Amino acid sequence: MVSFREVSVLDDSAQALLAEYFSARTLSFPGDQGTYKTTLPDAREFVPPRGVFLVVEGEDLAGDASDVGCGGIRKLDDPANAAGARVRYEVKHLWLQPHTRGLGLGRALLAELERSARALGATELVLDTNASLEAAGGLYRSSGFTEIEPYNSNPNATTWLGKLLG
């Protein structure tokens, strides 16, 4: 059984999962793209109504209850959108431990983050990713995200995706 727990990014479990995430990204980052640049999340950006950070509660390899993944959303301020036509939130640090992949937890986490964004008033979700993360790209696209123009200058990203929330 999987569940989600809202935590501060400063929470011990969030910090441990983020450390695993950044380590995995550093090790798997395509060499021809340079060196992975770690950017630690600002805890103030992941507190309602600015955002949320979730820990995925699942099972470890022995079948015992364990924190197995994480992800968050944060509101993006868009000066070009002064009229308030849209409220844009960004998906950040969506990650699951390797032994849980293929079980649908990523899709469940993404859906929970989308629900949280809607509850906070989002009308659009955006994210950036790297083409080398093929499974993640497939998940995002099959969840309704489509390519958009870059909205940030993340040196780790090769692809920017967005989804309008109805």
N, C-alpha and C. Protein backbone atom coordinates (compact mmCIF):
# COMPACT_ATOMS: atom_id res chain seq x y z
N MET A 1 0.84 -1.18 0.00
CA MET A 1 0.00 0.00 0.00
C MET A 1 0.88 1.24 0.00
N VAL A 2 0.58 2.19 -0.86
CA VAL A 2 1.35 3.42 -0.94
C VAL A 2 0.52 4.57 -0.35
N SER A 3 1.21 5.48 0.31
CA SER A 3 0.57 6.69 0.80
C SER A 3 1.56 7.84 0.69
N PHE A 4 1.07 9.03 0.92
CA PHE A 4 1.89 10.23 0.78
C PHE A 4 1.84 11.02 2.07
N ARG A 5 2.96 11.61 2.41
CA ARG A 5 3.04 12.41 3.62
C ARG A 5 3.65 13.76 3.25
N GLU A 6 2.94 14.83 3.60
CA GLU A 6 3.45 16.17 3.35
C GLU A 6 4.47 16.51 4.42
N VAL A 7 5.66 16.92 4.00
CA VAL A 7 6.74 17.24 4.93
C VAL A 7 7.47 18.50 4.46
N SER A 8 8.27 19.05 5.34
CA SER A 8 9.20 20.11 4.97
C SER A 8 10.36 19.46 4.22
N VAL A 9 10.95 20.19 3.29
CA VAL A 9 12.14 19.64 2.62
C VAL A 9 13.30 19.53 3.59
N LEU A 10 13.17 20.12 4.78
CA LEU A 10 14.20 20.02 5.80
C LEU A 10 14.02 18.80 6.71
N ASP A 11 12.89 18.10 6.56
CA ASP A 11 12.61 16.88 7.31
C ASP A 11 13.70 15.84 7.02
N ASP A 12 14.06 15.06 8.02
CA ASP A 12 15.12 14.06 7.84
C ASP A 12 14.84 13.10 6.68
N SER A 13 13.60 12.63 6.57
CA SER A 13 13.28 11.69 5.50
C SER A 13 13.37 12.37 4.13
N ALA A 14 12.91 13.61 4.04
CA ALA A 14 13.02 14.35 2.78
C ALA A 14 14.49 14.57 2.42
N GLN A 15 15.29 14.94 3.40
CA GLN A 15 16.72 15.17 3.15
C GLN A 15 17.42 13.90 2.68
N ALA A 16 17.08 12.76 3.28
CA ALA A 16 17.69 11.49 2.87
C ALA A 16 17.30 11.13 1.44
N LEU A 17 16.02 11.30 1.11
CA LEU A 17 15.56 10.99 -0.25
C LEU A 17 16.15 11.95 -1.27
N LEU A 18 16.23 13.23 -0.93
CA LEU A 18 16.83 14.20 -1.85
C LEU A 18 18.31 13.90 -2.06
N ALA A 19 19.01 13.46 -1.02
CA ALA A 19 20.42 13.09 -1.17
C ALA A 19 20.56 11.91 -2.13
N GLU A 20 19.66 10.91 -2.01
CA GLU A 20 19.67 9.78 -2.94
C GLU A 20 19.40 10.25 -4.36
N TYR A 21 18.41 11.13 -4.50
CA TYR A 21 18.03 11.68 -5.81
C TYR A 21 19.22 12.38 -6.46
N PHE A 22 19.85 13.32 -5.74
CA PHE A 22 20.96 14.08 -6.31
C PHE A 22 22.15 13.18 -6.62
N SER A 23 22.39 12.19 -5.79
CA SER A 23 23.48 11.25 -6.04
C SER A 23 23.22 10.45 -7.31
N ALA A 24 21.99 9.96 -7.45
CA ALA A 24 21.64 9.18 -8.64
C ALA A 24 21.73 10.03 -9.91
N ARG A 25 21.28 11.27 -9.83
CA ARG A 25 21.34 12.15 -11.01
C ARG A 25 22.80 12.45 -11.37
N THR A 26 23.63 12.68 -10.37
CA THR A 26 25.03 12.97 -10.62
C THR A 26 25.70 11.78 -11.31
N LEU A 27 25.42 10.57 -10.83
CA LEU A 27 26.04 9.37 -11.39
C LEU A 27 25.54 9.03 -12.80
N SER A 28 24.28 9.36 -13.08
CA SER A 28 23.70 8.97 -14.37
C SER A 28 23.66 10.10 -15.39
N PHE A 29 24.13 11.27 -15.01
CA PHE A 29 24.05 12.41 -15.93
C PHE A 29 24.94 12.17 -17.14
N PRO A 30 24.40 12.40 -18.35
CA PRO A 30 25.17 12.15 -19.57
C PRO A 30 26.46 12.97 -19.62
N GLY A 31 27.59 12.29 -19.78
CA GLY A 31 28.89 12.94 -19.80
C GLY A 31 29.03 13.99 -20.87
N ASP A 32 28.36 13.79 -22.00
CA ASP A 32 28.47 14.77 -23.09
C ASP A 32 27.71 16.06 -22.79
N GLN A 33 26.97 16.09 -21.68
CA GLN A 33 26.24 17.29 -21.30
C GLN A 33 26.94 18.04 -20.16
N GLY A 34 28.11 17.59 -19.80
CA GLY A 34 28.84 18.26 -18.73
C GLY A 34 28.62 17.59 -17.40
N THR A 35 28.62 18.39 -16.35
CA THR A 35 28.48 17.90 -14.98
C THR A 35 27.13 18.31 -14.43
N TYR A 36 26.48 17.39 -13.73
CA TYR A 36 25.19 17.69 -13.11
C TYR A 36 25.36 18.78 -12.07
N LYS A 37 24.46 19.75 -12.08
CA LYS A 37 24.49 20.86 -11.13
C LYS A 37 23.40 20.64 -10.09
N THR A 38 23.78 20.36 -8.85
CA THR A 38 22.83 20.16 -7.77
C THR A 38 22.30 21.51 -7.28
N THR A 39 20.99 21.62 -7.21
CA THR A 39 20.35 22.81 -6.66
C THR A 39 19.40 22.36 -5.56
N LEU A 40 19.78 22.64 -4.32
CA LEU A 40 18.95 22.23 -3.19
C LEU A 40 17.67 23.05 -3.15
N PRO A 41 16.55 22.43 -2.83
CA PRO A 41 15.29 23.17 -2.78
C PRO A 41 15.24 24.13 -1.59
N ASP A 42 14.63 25.27 -1.83
CA ASP A 42 14.40 26.26 -0.78
C ASP A 42 13.14 25.85 -0.03
N ALA A 43 13.26 25.54 1.24
CA ALA A 43 12.12 25.03 2.03
C ALA A 43 10.94 25.97 2.00
N ARG A 44 11.16 27.28 1.90
CA ARG A 44 10.07 28.26 1.90
C ARG A 44 9.18 28.13 0.67
N GLU A 45 9.72 27.56 -0.42
CA GLU A 45 8.95 27.44 -1.66
C GLU A 45 8.03 26.22 -1.66
N PHE A 46 8.20 25.33 -0.69
CA PHE A 46 7.43 24.09 -0.67
C PHE A 46 6.52 24.02 0.55
N VAL A 47 5.98 25.17 0.94
CA VAL A 47 5.05 25.28 2.06
C VAL A 47 3.79 25.96 1.52
N PRO A 48 2.59 25.38 1.78
CA PRO A 48 1.37 26.00 1.29
C PRO A 48 1.26 27.46 1.74
N PRO A 49 0.77 28.35 0.92
CA PRO A 49 0.21 28.13 -0.42
C PRO A 49 1.22 28.20 -1.55
N ARG A 50 2.53 28.37 -1.23
CA ARG A 50 3.56 28.45 -2.26
C ARG A 50 3.84 27.09 -2.90
N GLY A 51 3.60 26.01 -2.15
CA GLY A 51 3.88 24.69 -2.68
C GLY A 51 3.73 23.63 -1.62
N VAL A 52 4.10 22.40 -1.99
CA VAL A 52 4.11 21.28 -1.05
C VAL A 52 5.25 20.35 -1.43
N PHE A 53 5.70 19.57 -0.46
CA PHE A 53 6.69 18.53 -0.71
C PHE A 53 6.14 17.25 -0.10
N LEU A 54 6.14 16.19 -0.89
CA LEU A 54 5.57 14.91 -0.46
C LEU A 54 6.63 13.83 -0.40
N VAL A 55 6.50 12.98 0.60
CA VAL A 55 7.29 11.76 0.71
C VAL A 55 6.36 10.60 0.41
N VAL A 56 6.84 9.67 -0.40
CA VAL A 56 6.08 8.47 -0.74
C VAL A 56 6.40 7.40 0.29
N GLU A 57 5.36 6.92 0.93
CA GLU A 57 5.52 5.84 1.91
C GLU A 57 5.15 4.53 1.22
N GLY A 58 6.10 3.63 1.15
CA GLY A 58 5.88 2.33 0.52
C GLY A 58 6.59 1.25 1.30
N GLU A 59 7.30 0.37 0.57
CA GLU A 59 8.01 -0.74 1.21
C GLU A 59 9.44 -0.80 0.72
N ASP A 60 10.34 -1.17 1.63
CA ASP A 60 11.72 -1.38 1.24
C ASP A 60 11.87 -2.76 0.60
N LEU A 61 13.08 -3.14 0.30
CA LEU A 61 13.32 -4.43 -0.37
C LEU A 61 12.89 -5.63 0.48
N ALA A 62 12.86 -5.47 1.79
CA ALA A 62 12.45 -6.56 2.68
C ALA A 62 10.94 -6.59 2.89
N GLY A 63 10.23 -5.62 2.31
CA GLY A 63 8.78 -5.57 2.47
C GLY A 63 8.32 -4.79 3.68
N ASP A 64 9.24 -4.13 4.36
CA ASP A 64 8.89 -3.32 5.53
C ASP A 64 8.52 -1.90 5.10
N ALA A 65 7.68 -1.26 5.89
CA ALA A 65 7.28 0.12 5.62
C ALA A 65 8.51 1.01 5.55
N SER A 66 8.55 1.87 4.52
CA SER A 66 9.72 2.71 4.31
C SER A 66 9.35 3.89 3.42
N ASP A 67 10.10 4.98 3.56
CA ASP A 67 9.96 6.11 2.65
C ASP A 67 10.76 5.77 1.40
N VAL A 68 10.08 5.80 0.24
CA VAL A 68 10.70 5.30 -0.99
C VAL A 68 10.78 6.32 -2.12
N GLY A 69 10.28 7.50 -1.91
CA GLY A 69 10.32 8.49 -2.97
C GLY A 69 9.86 9.85 -2.49
N CYS A 70 9.98 10.82 -3.39
CA CYS A 70 9.59 12.18 -3.02
C CYS A 70 9.30 12.99 -4.26
N GLY A 71 8.74 14.14 -4.03
CA GLY A 71 8.49 15.11 -5.10
C GLY A 71 7.75 16.30 -4.54
N GLY A 72 7.82 17.40 -5.25
CA GLY A 72 7.16 18.60 -4.78
C GLY A 72 6.64 19.45 -5.90
N ILE A 73 5.89 20.45 -5.51
CA ILE A 73 5.44 21.49 -6.43
C ILE A 73 5.72 22.83 -5.77
N ARG A 74 6.02 23.83 -6.60
CA ARG A 74 6.20 25.18 -6.09
C ARG A 74 5.63 26.17 -7.09
N LYS A 75 5.10 27.26 -6.56
CA LYS A 75 4.50 28.29 -7.40
C LYS A 75 5.61 29.08 -8.07
N LEU A 76 5.41 29.34 -9.36
CA LEU A 76 6.35 30.18 -10.10
C LEU A 76 5.74 31.56 -10.27
N ASP A 77 6.49 32.57 -9.91
CA ASP A 77 6.04 33.93 -10.17
C ASP A 77 6.39 34.25 -11.61
N ASP A 78 5.42 34.78 -12.33
CA ASP A 78 5.59 35.06 -13.75
C ASP A 78 5.25 36.52 -14.02
N PRO A 79 6.26 37.39 -14.05
CA PRO A 79 6.00 38.81 -14.26
C PRO A 79 5.29 39.09 -15.59
N ALA A 80 5.49 38.23 -16.59
CA ALA A 80 4.83 38.42 -17.88
C ALA A 80 3.34 38.12 -17.79
N ASN A 81 2.93 37.52 -16.69
CA ASN A 81 1.53 37.12 -16.50
C ASN A 81 0.86 38.04 -15.46
N ALA A 82 1.13 39.33 -15.56
CA ALA A 82 0.65 40.29 -14.56
C ALA A 82 -0.87 40.31 -14.46
N ALA A 83 -1.55 40.00 -15.53
CA ALA A 83 -3.02 40.02 -15.51
C ALA A 83 -3.59 38.82 -14.77
N GLY A 84 -2.74 37.86 -14.42
CA GLY A 84 -3.21 36.71 -13.66
C GLY A 84 -3.98 35.69 -14.49
N ALA A 85 -3.68 35.62 -15.77
CA ALA A 85 -4.40 34.70 -16.65
C ALA A 85 -4.14 33.24 -16.30
N ARG A 86 -2.99 32.99 -15.69
CA ARG A 86 -2.70 31.62 -15.29
C ARG A 86 -1.93 31.62 -13.98
N VAL A 87 -2.04 30.52 -13.28
CA VAL A 87 -1.30 30.32 -12.04
C VAL A 87 -0.45 29.07 -12.26
N ARG A 88 0.85 29.27 -12.37
CA ARG A 88 1.78 28.22 -12.78
C ARG A 88 2.54 27.66 -11.57
N TYR A 89 2.47 26.33 -11.45
CA TYR A 89 3.26 25.61 -10.45
C TYR A 89 4.22 24.68 -11.18
N GLU A 90 5.37 24.45 -10.57
CA GLU A 90 6.40 23.61 -11.16
C GLU A 90 6.57 22.33 -10.35
N VAL A 91 6.65 21.21 -11.04
CA VAL A 91 6.95 19.92 -10.43
C VAL A 91 8.47 19.83 -10.27
N LYS A 92 8.92 19.47 -9.06
CA LYS A 92 10.35 19.39 -8.77
C LYS A 92 10.70 18.10 -8.04
N HIS A 93 11.85 17.57 -8.34
CA HIS A 93 12.49 16.48 -7.59
C HIS A 93 11.60 15.24 -7.46
N LEU A 94 10.88 14.90 -8.51
CA LEU A 94 10.08 13.67 -8.51
C LEU A 94 11.06 12.51 -8.65
N TRP A 95 11.11 11.68 -7.62
CA TRP A 95 12.10 10.60 -7.60
C TRP A 95 11.59 9.42 -6.78
N LEU A 96 11.90 8.23 -7.26
CA LEU A 96 11.55 6.99 -6.55
C LEU A 96 12.77 6.09 -6.50
N GLN A 97 12.92 5.38 -5.41
CA GLN A 97 14.03 4.44 -5.30
C GLN A 97 13.89 3.38 -6.40
N PRO A 98 15.01 2.93 -6.95
CA PRO A 98 14.96 2.00 -8.08
C PRO A 98 14.10 0.77 -7.88
N HIS A 99 14.07 0.19 -6.68
CA HIS A 99 13.30 -1.05 -6.48
C HIS A 99 11.79 -0.83 -6.60
N THR A 100 11.34 0.42 -6.59
CA THR A 100 9.90 0.69 -6.67
C THR A 100 9.45 1.05 -8.08
N ARG A 101 10.38 1.21 -8.98
CA ARG A 101 10.02 1.65 -10.33
C ARG A 101 9.29 0.55 -11.08
N GLY A 102 8.33 0.97 -11.87
CA GLY A 102 7.50 0.04 -12.62
C GLY A 102 6.28 -0.43 -11.86
N LEU A 103 6.08 0.09 -10.65
CA LEU A 103 4.93 -0.30 -9.83
C LEU A 103 3.79 0.72 -9.88
N GLY A 104 3.98 1.78 -10.64
CA GLY A 104 2.94 2.81 -10.74
C GLY A 104 3.04 3.89 -9.69
N LEU A 105 4.09 3.86 -8.88
CA LEU A 105 4.23 4.86 -7.82
C LEU A 105 4.54 6.24 -8.37
N GLY A 106 5.31 6.31 -9.45
CA GLY A 106 5.61 7.59 -10.07
C GLY A 106 4.34 8.26 -10.59
N ARG A 107 3.50 7.48 -11.23
CA ARG A 107 2.23 8.01 -11.75
C ARG A 107 1.33 8.46 -10.60
N ALA A 108 1.30 7.66 -9.53
CA ALA A 108 0.49 8.02 -8.37
C ALA A 108 1.01 9.31 -7.71
N LEU A 109 2.33 9.44 -7.60
CA LEU A 109 2.92 10.64 -7.01
C LEU A 109 2.64 11.86 -7.88
N LEU A 110 2.81 11.72 -9.18
CA LEU A 110 2.54 12.84 -10.08
C LEU A 110 1.08 13.26 -9.99
N ALA A 111 0.17 12.29 -9.92
CA ALA A 111 -1.26 12.61 -9.79
C ALA A 111 -1.54 13.31 -8.47
N GLU A 112 -0.88 12.88 -7.40
CA GLU A 112 -1.08 13.52 -6.09
C GLU A 112 -0.54 14.95 -6.10
N LEU A 113 0.59 15.16 -6.76
CA LEU A 113 1.13 16.51 -6.88
C LEU A 113 0.20 17.40 -7.70
N GLU A 114 -0.38 16.84 -8.75
CA GLU A 114 -1.34 17.59 -9.56
C GLU A 114 -2.56 17.96 -8.72
N ARG A 115 -3.06 17.02 -7.93
CA ARG A 115 -4.21 17.32 -7.05
C ARG A 115 -3.85 18.45 -6.08
N SER A 116 -2.66 18.38 -5.53
CA SER A 116 -2.21 19.43 -4.61
C SER A 116 -2.13 20.78 -5.31
N ALA A 117 -1.61 20.78 -6.52
CA ALA A 117 -1.50 22.03 -7.28
C ALA A 117 -2.88 22.62 -7.56
N ARG A 118 -3.80 21.78 -7.97
CA ARG A 118 -5.17 22.27 -8.21
C ARG A 118 -5.77 22.86 -6.93
N ALA A 119 -5.55 22.19 -5.80
CA ALA A 119 -6.08 22.66 -4.52
C ALA A 119 -5.49 24.02 -4.14
N LEU A 120 -4.26 24.29 -4.59
CA LEU A 120 -3.61 25.57 -4.31
C LEU A 120 -3.96 26.63 -5.36
N GLY A 121 -4.78 26.26 -6.35
CA GLY A 121 -5.23 27.22 -7.35
C GLY A 121 -4.48 27.22 -8.65
N ALA A 122 -3.64 26.23 -8.88
CA ALA A 122 -2.88 26.17 -10.13
C ALA A 122 -3.80 25.97 -11.33
N THR A 123 -3.45 26.63 -12.41
CA THR A 123 -4.13 26.41 -13.69
C THR A 123 -3.19 25.78 -14.71
N GLU A 124 -1.91 25.66 -14.33
CA GLU A 124 -0.91 25.05 -15.21
C GLU A 124 0.19 24.42 -14.37
N LEU A 125 0.64 23.26 -14.81
CA LEU A 125 1.82 22.61 -14.23
C LEU A 125 2.91 22.59 -15.28
N VAL A 126 4.14 22.86 -14.86
CA VAL A 126 5.28 22.79 -15.76
C VAL A 126 6.39 22.00 -15.07
N LEU A 127 7.33 21.54 -15.86
CA LEU A 127 8.51 20.86 -15.33
C LEU A 127 9.60 20.87 -16.37
N ASP A 128 10.81 20.67 -15.90
CA ASP A 128 11.91 20.45 -16.83
C ASP A 128 12.49 19.08 -16.55
N THR A 129 13.06 18.49 -17.58
CA THR A 129 13.64 17.16 -17.45
C THR A 129 14.80 17.03 -18.42
N ASN A 130 15.44 15.91 -18.40
CA ASN A 130 16.55 15.63 -19.28
C ASN A 130 16.17 14.47 -20.18
N ALA A 131 16.51 14.57 -21.45
CA ALA A 131 16.14 13.53 -22.42
C ALA A 131 16.67 12.15 -22.01
N SER A 132 17.73 12.10 -21.21
CA SER A 132 18.28 10.81 -20.79
C SER A 132 17.35 10.09 -19.82
N LEU A 133 16.40 10.81 -19.23
CA LEU A 133 15.43 10.20 -18.30
C LEU A 133 14.20 9.76 -19.09
N GLU A 134 14.39 8.73 -19.89
CA GLU A 134 13.35 8.30 -20.82
C GLU A 134 12.07 7.85 -20.13
N ALA A 135 12.19 7.09 -19.05
CA ALA A 135 10.99 6.62 -18.35
C ALA A 135 10.22 7.80 -17.77
N ALA A 136 10.93 8.76 -17.20
CA ALA A 136 10.27 9.94 -16.64
C ALA A 136 9.57 10.72 -17.75
N GLY A 137 10.25 10.91 -18.87
CA GLY A 137 9.64 11.62 -20.00
C GLY A 137 8.38 10.91 -20.48
N GLY A 138 8.42 9.58 -20.53
CA GLY A 138 7.24 8.81 -20.92
C GLY A 138 6.10 8.99 -19.94
N LEU A 139 6.43 8.98 -18.65
CA LEU A 139 5.41 9.20 -17.63
C LEU A 139 4.76 10.57 -17.80
N TYR A 140 5.58 11.60 -17.96
CA TYR A 140 5.03 12.96 -18.08
C TYR A 140 4.14 13.07 -19.32
N ARG A 141 4.62 12.57 -20.43
CA ARG A 141 3.84 12.68 -21.67
C ARG A 141 2.53 11.88 -21.59
N SER A 142 2.58 10.70 -21.01
CA SER A 142 1.37 9.89 -20.89
C SER A 142 0.41 10.46 -19.85
N SER A 143 0.88 11.40 -19.05
CA SER A 143 0.04 12.07 -18.06
C SER A 143 -0.49 13.41 -18.57
N GLY A 144 -0.27 13.69 -19.85
CA GLY A 144 -0.85 14.88 -20.45
C GLY A 144 0.08 16.06 -20.62
N PHE A 145 1.36 15.92 -20.29
CA PHE A 145 2.31 17.00 -20.47
C PHE A 145 2.79 17.03 -21.91
N THR A 146 2.96 18.23 -22.44
CA THR A 146 3.47 18.42 -23.80
C THR A 146 4.63 19.41 -23.76
N GLU A 147 5.46 19.37 -24.80
CA GLU A 147 6.63 20.25 -24.84
C GLU A 147 6.21 21.71 -24.92
N ILE A 148 6.94 22.54 -24.16
CA ILE A 148 6.73 23.98 -24.15
C ILE A 148 8.08 24.66 -24.32
N GLU A 149 8.05 25.96 -24.49
CA GLU A 149 9.28 26.73 -24.56
C GLU A 149 9.96 26.70 -23.18
N PRO A 150 11.29 26.74 -23.15
CA PRO A 150 11.97 26.77 -21.85
C PRO A 150 11.48 27.95 -21.01
N TYR A 151 11.21 27.70 -19.74
CA TYR A 151 10.75 28.74 -18.83
C TYR A 151 11.80 29.05 -17.77
N ASN A 152 12.94 28.35 -17.81
CA ASN A 152 14.03 28.61 -16.87
C ASN A 152 15.35 28.31 -17.58
N SER A 153 16.43 28.49 -16.87
CA SER A 153 17.75 28.25 -17.45
C SER A 153 18.46 27.09 -16.75
N ASN A 154 17.70 26.08 -16.35
CA ASN A 154 18.27 24.93 -15.65
C ASN A 154 19.33 24.26 -16.55
N PRO A 155 20.59 24.24 -16.11
CA PRO A 155 21.64 23.65 -16.95
C PRO A 155 21.53 22.14 -17.09
N ASN A 156 20.72 21.49 -16.25
CA ASN A 156 20.56 20.04 -16.32
C ASN A 156 19.46 19.63 -17.29
N ALA A 157 18.63 20.57 -17.70
CA ALA A 157 17.44 20.26 -18.50
C ALA A 157 17.72 20.31 -19.99
N THR A 158 17.03 19.42 -20.70
CA THR A 158 17.05 19.45 -22.17
C THR A 158 15.64 19.59 -22.72
N THR A 159 14.64 19.38 -21.85
CA THR A 159 13.23 19.36 -22.28
C THR A 159 12.39 20.05 -21.23
N TRP A 160 11.44 20.88 -21.71
CA TRP A 160 10.50 21.56 -20.82
C TRP A 160 9.10 21.15 -21.22
N LEU A 161 8.29 20.79 -20.22
CA LEU A 161 6.95 20.28 -20.47
C LEU A 161 5.92 21.05 -19.64
N GLY A 162 4.70 21.11 -20.16
CA GLY A 162 3.62 21.78 -19.44
C GLY A 162 2.30 21.07 -19.62
N LYS A 163 1.40 21.37 -18.71
CA LYS A 163 0.05 20.79 -18.76
C LYS A 163 -0.92 21.82 -18.21
N LEU A 164 -1.93 22.17 -19.01
CA LEU A 164 -2.99 23.05 -18.53
C LEU A 164 -3.95 22.24 -17.68
N LEU A 165 -4.34 22.81 -16.56
CA LEU A 165 -5.27 22.14 -15.66
C LEU A 165 -6.65 22.75 -15.87
N GLY A 166 -7.63 21.89 -16.15
CA GLY A 166 -8.98 22.39 -16.44
C GLY A 166 -9.82 22.62 -15.23
